Amino acid sequence: MAKEELIGSMSDSQLYSIGAYFCDSHPDLVDDVLKQSVEIERDGLARWAKKEKVEESVALQTLITGLSVRFYTALASDA
């Protein structure tokens, strides 16, 4: 599979769509969500949620959004 085909097939994923939507809709929050998602990965979901005084579901949503943004930007910069 050629590089362009691979990137094209990955850009059809929901993870890519979430990242693209977030970056387009909230460009001012991208750096914050990336920082928070790295903290969640480092600290663990439950520990980060407790530290931030948020529900674990909010921490999970933040983590997934951060991963989506990283996925989107990695593919977009490689296209």
PDB file of N, CA and C in Angstrom:
ATOM      1  N   MET A   1       0.845  -1.169   0.000  1.00  0.00           N
ATOM      2  CA  MET A   1       0.000   0.000   0.000  1.00  0.00           C
ATOM      3  C   MET A   1       0.895   1.239   0.000  1.00  0.00           C
ATOM      4  N   ALA A   2       0.593   2.171  -0.865  1.00  0.00           N
ATOM      5  CA  ALA A   2       1.366   3.406  -0.962  1.00  0.00           C
ATOM      6  C   ALA A   2       1.091   4.293   0.246  1.00  0.00           C
ATOM      7  N   LYS A   3       2.042   5.155   0.546  1.00  0.00           N
ATOM      8  CA  LYS A   3       1.935   6.045   1.704  1.00  0.00           C
ATOM      9  C   LYS A   3       0.649   6.877   1.643  1.00  0.00           C
ATOM     10  N   GLU A   4       0.330   7.403   0.469  1.00  0.00           N
ATOM     11  CA  GLU A   4      -0.859   8.232   0.319  1.00  0.00           C
ATOM     12  C   GLU A   4      -2.133   7.432   0.585  1.00  0.00           C
ATOM     13  N   GLU A   5      -2.161   6.184   0.146  1.00  0.00           N
ATOM     14  CA  GLU A   5      -3.329   5.333   0.377  1.00  0.00           C
ATOM     15  C   GLU A   5      -3.491   5.027   1.867  1.00  0.00           C
ATOM     16  N   LEU A   6      -2.378   4.747   2.527  1.00  0.00           N
ATOM     17  CA  LEU A   6      -2.408   4.453   3.954  1.00  0.00           C
ATOM     18  C   LEU A   6      -2.922   5.656   4.740  1.00  0.00           C
ATOM     19  N   ILE A   7      -2.383   6.825   4.461  1.00  0.00           N
ATOM     20  CA  ILE A   7      -2.828   8.040   5.148  1.00  0.00           C
ATOM     21  C   ILE A   7      -4.288   8.311   4.839  1.00  0.00           C
ATOM     22  N   GLY A   8      -4.685   8.110   3.602  1.00  0.00           N
ATOM     23  CA  GLY A   8      -6.083   8.306   3.221  1.00  0.00           C
ATOM     24  C   GLY A   8      -7.019   7.380   3.961  1.00  0.00           C
ATOM     25  N   SER A   9      -6.628   6.125   4.110  1.00  0.00           N
ATOM     26  CA  SER A   9      -7.487   5.178   4.817  1.00  0.00           C
ATOM     27  C   SER A   9      -7.574   5.506   6.307  1.00  0.00           C
ATOM     28  N   MET A  10      -6.482   5.981   6.888  1.00  0.00           N
ATOM     29  CA  MET A  10      -6.497   6.349   8.302  1.00  0.00           C
ATOM     30  C   MET A  10      -7.304   7.620   8.544  1.00  0.00           C
ATOM     31  N   SER A  11      -7.331   8.501   7.561  1.00  0.00           N
ATOM     32  CA  SER A  11      -8.068   9.755   7.746  1.00  0.00           C
ATOM     33  C   SER A  11      -9.575   9.546   7.659  1.00  0.00           C
ATOM     34  N   ASP A  12     -10.005   8.342   7.335  1.00  0.00           N
ATOM     35  CA  ASP A  12     -11.428   8.013   7.341  1.00  0.00           C
ATOM     36  C   ASP A  12     -11.891   7.499   8.698  1.00  0.00           C
ATOM     37  N   SER A  13     -11.011   7.466   9.679  1.00  0.00           N
ATOM     38  CA  SER A  13     -11.345   6.903  10.991  1.00  0.00           C
ATOM     39  C   SER A  13     -12.037   7.937  11.878  1.00  0.00           C
ATOM     40  N   GLN A  14     -12.726   7.444  12.887  1.00  0.00           N
ATOM     41  CA  GLN A  14     -13.385   8.338  13.844  1.00  0.00           C
ATOM     42  C   GLN A  14     -12.358   9.102  14.680  1.00  0.00           C
ATOM     43  N   LEU A  15     -11.256   8.470  14.999  1.00  0.00           N
ATOM     44  CA  LEU A  15     -10.214   9.138  15.775  1.00  0.00           C
ATOM     45  C   LEU A  15      -9.725  10.383  15.028  1.00  0.00           C
ATOM     46  N   TYR A  16      -9.498  10.245  13.740  1.00  0.00           N
ATOM     47  CA  TYR A  16      -9.068  11.366  12.904  1.00  0.00           C
ATOM     48  C   TYR A  16     -10.140  12.452  12.880  1.00  0.00           C
ATOM     49  N   SER A  17     -11.399  12.033  12.715  1.00  0.00           N
ATOM     50  CA  SER A  17     -12.510  12.986  12.645  1.00  0.00           C
ATOM     51  C   SER A  17     -12.658  13.779  13.938  1.00  0.00           C
ATOM     52  N   ILE A  18     -12.520  13.093  15.069  1.00  0.00           N
ATOM     53  CA  ILE A  18     -12.609  13.773  16.365  1.00  0.00           C
ATOM     54  C   ILE A  18     -11.483  14.800  16.486  1.00  0.00           C
ATOM     55  N   GLY A  19     -10.277  14.402  16.118  1.00  0.00           N
ATOM     56  CA  GLY A  19      -9.135  15.319  16.186  1.00  0.00           C
ATOM     57  C   GLY A  19      -9.303  16.519  15.273  1.00  0.00           C
ATOM     58  N   ALA A  20      -9.764  16.272  14.056  1.00  0.00           N
ATOM     59  CA  ALA A  20      -9.969  17.364  13.102  1.00  0.00           C
ATOM     60  C   ALA A  20     -11.037  18.328  13.600  1.00  0.00           C
ATOM     61  N   TYR A  21     -12.140  17.778  14.085  1.00  0.00           N
ATOM     62  CA  TYR A  21     -13.224  18.615  14.595  1.00  0.00           C
ATOM     63  C   TYR A  21     -12.742  19.464  15.766  1.00  0.00           C
ATOM     64  N   PHE A  22     -12.038  18.850  16.706  1.00  0.00           N
ATOM     65  CA  PHE A  22     -11.565  19.588  17.875  1.00  0.00           C
ATOM     66  C   PHE A  22     -10.602  20.698  17.466  1.00  0.00           C
ATOM     67  N   CYS A  23      -9.654  20.383  16.603  1.00  0.00           N
ATOM     68  CA  CYS A  23      -8.671  21.386  16.168  1.00  0.00           C
ATOM     69  C   CYS A  23      -9.337  22.543  15.436  1.00  0.00           C
ATOM     70  N   ASP A  24     -10.340  22.245  14.616  1.00  0.00           N
ATOM     71  CA  ASP A  24     -11.038  23.289  13.871  1.00  0.00           C
ATOM     72  C   ASP A  24     -11.958  24.116  14.766  1.00  0.00           C
ATOM     73  N   SER A  25     -12.622  23.451  15.713  1.00  0.00           N
ATOM     74  CA  SER A  25     -13.613  24.128  16.550  1.00  0.00           C
ATOM     75  C   SER A  25     -13.019  24.837  17.756  1.00  0.00           C
ATOM     76  N   HIS A  26     -11.904  24.321  18.257  1.00  0.00           N
ATOM     77  CA  HIS A  26     -11.328  24.857  19.492  1.00  0.00           C
ATOM     78  C   HIS A  26      -9.810  25.019  19.390  1.00  0.00           C
ATOM     79  N   PRO A  27      -9.335  25.766  18.413  1.00  0.00           N
ATOM     80  CA  PRO A  27      -7.873  25.881  18.257  1.00  0.00           C
ATOM     81  C   PRO A  27      -7.182  26.467  19.488  1.00  0.00           C
ATOM     82  N   ASP A  28      -7.911  27.266  20.251  1.00  0.00           N
ATOM     83  CA  ASP A  28      -7.337  27.871  21.448  1.00  0.00           C
ATOM     84  C   ASP A  28      -7.177  26.876  22.596  1.00  0.00           C
ATOM     85  N   LEU A  29      -7.806  25.701  22.506  1.00  0.00           N
ATOM     86  CA  LEU A  29      -7.737  24.701  23.566  1.00  0.00           C
ATOM     87  C   LEU A  29      -6.820  23.522  23.240  1.00  0.00           C
ATOM     88  N   VAL A  30      -6.288  23.485  22.027  1.00  0.00           N
ATOM     89  CA  VAL A  30      -5.492  22.337  21.586  1.00  0.00           C
ATOM     90  C   VAL A  30      -4.300  22.100  22.507  1.00  0.00           C
ATOM     91  N   ASP A  31      -3.542  23.124  22.797  1.00  0.00           N
ATOM     92  CA  ASP A  31      -2.356  22.948  23.656  1.00  0.00           C
ATOM     93  C   ASP A  31      -2.739  22.432  25.040  1.00  0.00           C
ATOM     94  N   ASP A  32      -3.834  22.952  25.586  1.00  0.00           N
ATOM     95  CA  ASP A  32      -4.273  22.510  26.915  1.00  0.00           C
ATOM     96  C   ASP A  32      -4.682  21.046  26.914  1.00  0.00           C
ATOM     97  N   VAL A  33      -5.460  20.631  25.923  1.00  0.00           N
ATOM     98  CA  VAL A  33      -5.919  19.238  25.906  1.00  0.00           C
ATOM     99  C   VAL A  33      -4.750  18.291  25.651  1.00  0.00           C
ATOM    100  N   LEU A  34      -3.783  18.708  24.871  1.00  0.00           N
ATOM    101  CA  LEU A  34      -2.598  17.877  24.659  1.00  0.00           C
ATOM    102  C   LEU A  34      -1.812  17.726  25.962  1.00  0.00           C
ATOM    103  N   LYS A  35      -1.625  18.822  26.672  1.00  0.00           N
ATOM    104  CA  LYS A  35      -0.904  18.781  27.950  1.00  0.00           C
ATOM    105  C   LYS A  35      -1.644  17.887  28.945  1.00  0.00           C
ATOM    106  N   GLN A  36      -2.943  18.053  29.033  1.00  0.00           N
ATOM    107  CA  GLN A  36      -3.731  17.256  29.977  1.00  0.00           C
ATOM    108  C   GLN A  36      -3.709  15.772  29.622  1.00  0.00           C
ATOM    109  N   SER A  37      -3.775  15.452  28.338  1.00  0.00           N
ATOM    110  CA  SER A  37      -3.778  14.041  27.954  1.00  0.00           C
ATOM    111  C   SER A  37      -2.440  13.370  28.276  1.00  0.00           C
ATOM    112  N   VAL A  38      -1.357  14.110  28.139  1.00  0.00           N
ATOM    113  CA  VAL A  38      -0.037  13.577  28.511  1.00  0.00           C
ATOM    114  C   VAL A  38       0.022  13.348  30.025  1.00  0.00           C
ATOM    115  N   GLU A  39      -0.538  14.275  30.787  1.00  0.00           N
ATOM    116  CA  GLU A  39      -0.580  14.113  32.241  1.00  0.00           C
ATOM    117  C   GLU A  39      -1.400  12.877  32.627  1.00  0.00           C
ATOM    118  N   ILE A  40      -2.523  12.660  31.941  1.00  0.00           N
ATOM    119  CA  ILE A  40      -3.364  11.495  32.221  1.00  0.00           C
ATOM    120  C   ILE A  40      -2.598  10.211  31.918  1.00  0.00           C
ATOM    121  N   GLU A  41      -1.902  10.181  30.809  1.00  0.00           N
ATOM    122  CA  GLU A  41      -1.090   9.007  30.474  1.00  0.00           C
ATOM    123  C   GLU A  41      -0.031   8.759  31.549  1.00  0.00           C
ATOM    124  N   ARG A  42       0.584   9.812  32.005  1.00  0.00           N
ATOM    125  CA  ARG A  42       1.650   9.696  33.002  1.00  0.00           C
ATOM    126  C   ARG A  42       1.106   9.285  34.371  1.00  0.00           C
ATOM    127  N   ASP A  43       0.034   9.943  34.802  1.00  0.00           N
ATOM    128  CA  ASP A  43      -0.480   9.747  36.159  1.00  0.00           C
ATOM    129  C   ASP A  43      -1.475   8.599  36.282  1.00  0.00           C
ATOM    130  N   GLY A  44      -2.130   8.271  35.197  1.00  0.00           N
ATOM    131  CA  GLY A  44      -3.216   7.301  35.238  1.00  0.00           C
ATOM    132  C   GLY A  44      -4.553   8.026  35.313  1.00  0.00           C
ATOM    133  N   LEU A  45      -5.547   7.418  34.751  1.00  0.00           N
ATOM    134  CA  LEU A  45      -6.860   8.037  34.624  1.00  0.00           C
ATOM    135  C   LEU A  45      -7.472   8.403  35.977  1.00  0.00           C
ATOM    136  N   ALA A  46      -7.553   7.437  36.877  1.00  0.00           N
ATOM    137  CA  ALA A  46      -8.204   7.671  38.174  1.00  0.00           C
ATOM    138  C   ALA A  46      -7.445   8.699  39.009  1.00  0.00           C
ATOM    139  N   ARG A  47      -6.134   8.597  39.033  1.00  0.00           N
ATOM    140  CA  ARG A  47      -5.327   9.526  39.831  1.00  0.00           C
ATOM    141  C   ARG A  47      -5.454  10.949  39.297  1.00  0.00           C
ATOM    142  N   TRP A  48      -5.413  11.109  37.971  1.00  0.00           N
ATOM    143  CA  TRP A  48      -5.539  12.439  37.375  1.00  0.00           C
ATOM    144  C   TRP A  48      -6.916  13.019  37.664  1.00  0.00           C
ATOM    145  N   ALA A  49      -7.952  12.205  37.513  1.00  0.00           N
ATOM    146  CA  ALA A  49      -9.319  12.675  37.769  1.00  0.00           C
ATOM    147  C   ALA A  49      -9.465  13.142  39.214  1.00  0.00           C
ATOM    148  N   LYS A  50      -8.921  12.385  40.131  1.00  0.00           N
ATOM    149  CA  LYS A  50      -9.000  12.753  41.550  1.00  0.00           C
ATOM    150  C   LYS A  50      -8.249  14.054  41.804  1.00  0.00           C
ATOM    151  N   LYS A  51      -7.047  14.173  41.234  1.00  0.00           N
ATOM    152  CA  LYS A  51      -6.235  15.380  41.412  1.00  0.00           C
ATOM    153  C   LYS A  51      -6.947  16.614  40.860  1.00  0.00           C
ATOM    154  N   GLU A  52      -7.605  16.450  39.713  1.00  0.00           N
ATOM    155  CA  GLU A  52      -8.293  17.570  39.060  1.00  0.00           C
ATOM    156  C   GLU A  52      -9.719  17.766  39.562  1.00  0.00           C
ATOM    157  N   LYS A  53     -10.176  16.844  40.434  1.00  0.00           N
ATOM    158  CA  LYS A  53     -11.530  16.900  40.996  1.00  0.00           C
ATOM    159  C   LYS A  53     -12.602  16.849  39.899  1.00  0.00           C
ATOM    160  N   VAL A  54     -12.411  15.891  38.980  1.00  0.00           N
ATOM    161  CA  VAL A  54     -13.385  15.648  37.917  1.00  0.00           C
ATOM    162  C   VAL A  54     -13.738  14.163  37.905  1.00  0.00           C
ATOM    163  N   GLU A  55     -14.843  13.837  37.290  1.00  0.00           N
ATOM    164  CA  GLU A  55     -15.237  12.447  37.132  1.00  0.00           C
ATOM    165  C   GLU A  55     -14.247  11.729  36.214  1.00  0.00           C
ATOM    166  N   GLU A  56     -14.106  10.427  36.415  1.00  0.00           N
ATOM    167  CA  GLU A  56     -13.211   9.652  35.551  1.00  0.00           C
ATOM    168  C   GLU A  56     -13.676   9.694  34.096  1.00  0.00           C
ATOM    169  N   SER A  57     -14.969   9.816  33.867  1.00  0.00           N
ATOM    170  CA  SER A  57     -15.469   9.905  32.491  1.00  0.00           C
ATOM    171  C   SER A  57     -14.972  11.171  31.800  1.00  0.00           C
ATOM    172  N   VAL A  58     -14.818  12.252  32.540  1.00  0.00           N
ATOM    173  CA  VAL A  58     -14.264  13.495  31.990  1.00  0.00           C
ATOM    174  C   VAL A  58     -12.791  13.299  31.664  1.00  0.00           C
ATOM    175  N   ALA A  59     -12.073  12.623  32.551  1.00  0.00           N
ATOM    176  CA  ALA A  59     -10.661  12.335  32.301  1.00  0.00           C
ATOM    177  C   ALA A  59     -10.503  11.467  31.054  1.00  0.00           C
ATOM    178  N   LEU A  60     -11.375  10.466  30.915  1.00  0.00           N
ATOM    179  CA  LEU A  60     -11.310   9.600  29.737  1.00  0.00           C
ATOM    180  C   LEU A  60     -11.599  10.385  28.463  1.00  0.00           C
ATOM    181  N   GLN A  61     -12.584  11.245  28.501  1.00  0.00           N
ATOM    182  CA  GLN A  61     -12.912  12.072  27.337  1.00  0.00           C
ATOM    183  C   GLN A  61     -11.739  12.983  26.974  1.00  0.00           C
ATOM    184  N   THR A  62     -11.095  13.551  27.971  1.00  0.00           N
ATOM    185  CA  THR A  62      -9.926  14.405  27.734  1.00  0.00           C
ATOM    186  C   THR A  62      -8.789  13.604  27.109  1.00  0.00           C
ATOM    187  N   LEU A  63      -8.566  12.407  27.625  1.00  0.00           N
ATOM    188  CA  LEU A  63      -7.515  11.543  27.087  1.00  0.00           C
ATOM    189  C   LEU A  63      -7.792  11.196  25.627  1.00  0.00           C
ATOM    190  N   ILE A  64      -9.002  10.787  25.335  1.00  0.00           N
ATOM    191  CA  ILE A  64      -9.351  10.409  23.966  1.00  0.00           C
ATOM    192  C   ILE A  64      -9.256  11.604  23.024  1.00  0.00           C
ATOM    193  N   THR A  65      -9.687  12.763  23.492  1.00  0.00           N
ATOM    194  CA  THR A  65      -9.577  13.966  22.660  1.00  0.00           C
ATOM    195  C   THR A  65      -8.117  14.284  22.376  1.00  0.00           C
ATOM    196  N   GLY A  66      -7.273  14.196  23.395  1.00  0.00           N
ATOM    197  CA  GLY A  66      -5.845  14.448  23.195  1.00  0.00           C
ATOM    198  C   GLY A  66      -5.213  13.465  22.232  1.00  0.00           C
ATOM    199  N   LEU A  67      -5.568  12.199  22.362  1.00  0.00           N
ATOM    200  CA  LEU A  67      -5.055  11.188  21.430  1.00  0.00           C
ATOM    201  C   LEU A  67      -5.538  11.464  20.013  1.00  0.00           C
ATOM    202  N   SER A  68      -6.787  11.869  19.896  1.00  0.00           N
ATOM    203  CA  SER A  68      -7.357  12.175  18.582  1.00  0.00           C
ATOM    204  C   SER A  68      -6.648  13.353  17.932  1.00  0.00           C
ATOM    205  N   VAL A  69      -6.375  14.371  18.726  1.00  0.00           N
ATOM    206  CA  VAL A  69      -5.671  15.545  18.202  1.00  0.00           C
ATOM    207  C   VAL A  69      -4.269  15.160  17.737  1.00  0.00           C
ATOM    208  N   ARG A  70      -3.582  14.344  18.526  1.00  0.00           N
ATOM    209  CA  ARG A  70      -2.242  13.900  18.118  1.00  0.00           C
ATOM    210  C   ARG A  70      -2.297  13.073  16.839  1.00  0.00           C
ATOM    211  N   PHE A  71      -3.282  12.190  16.750  1.00  0.00           N
ATOM    212  CA  PHE A  71      -3.445  11.352  15.558  1.00  0.00           C
ATOM    213  C   PHE A  71      -3.716  12.223  14.334  1.00  0.00           C
ATOM    214  N   TYR A  72      -4.656  13.153  14.476  1.00  0.00           N
ATOM    215  CA  TYR A  72      -5.003  14.054  13.368  1.00  0.00           C
ATOM    216  C   TYR A  72      -3.815  14.875  12.917  1.00  0.00           C
ATOM    217  N   THR A  73      -3.118  15.505  13.877  1.00  0.00           N
ATOM    218  CA  THR A  73      -2.003  16.370  13.490  1.00  0.00           C
ATOM    219  C   THR A  73      -0.848  15.578  12.890  1.00  0.00           C
ATOM    220  N   ALA A  74      -0.644  14.366  13.361  1.00  0.00           N
ATOM    221  CA  ALA A  74       0.422  13.530  12.781  1.00  0.00           C
ATOM    222  C   ALA A  74       0.110  13.192  11.326  1.00  0.00           C
ATOM    223  N   LEU A  75      -1.131  12.843  11.050  1.00  0.00           N
ATOM    224  CA  LEU A  75      -1.502  12.510   9.676  1.00  0.00           C
ATOM    225  C   LEU A  75      -1.573  13.744   8.793  1.00  0.00           C
ATOM    226  N   ALA A  76      -2.108  14.819   9.332  1.00  0.00           N
ATOM    227  CA  ALA A  76      -2.246  16.051   8.540  1.00  0.00           C
ATOM    228  C   ALA A  76      -0.880  16.609   8.156  1.00  0.00           C
ATOM    229  N   SER A  77       0.083  16.491   9.033  1.00  0.00           N
ATOM    230  CA  SER A  77       1.420  17.024   8.733  1.00  0.00           C
ATOM    231  C   SER A  77       2.185  16.119   7.786  1.00  0.00           C
ATOM    232  N   ASP A  78       1.723  14.866   7.643  1.00  0.00           N
ATOM    233  CA  ASP A  78       2.401  13.913   6.775  1.00  0.00           C
ATOM    234  C   ASP A  78       1.750  13.840   5.385  1.00  0.00           C
ATOM    235  N   ALA A  79       0.613  14.490   5.241  1.00  0.00           N
ATOM    236  CA  ALA A  79      -0.138  14.409   3.969  1.00  0.00           C
ATOM    237  C   ALA A  79       0.492  15.240   2.890  1.00  0.00           C
TER     238      ALA A  79
END
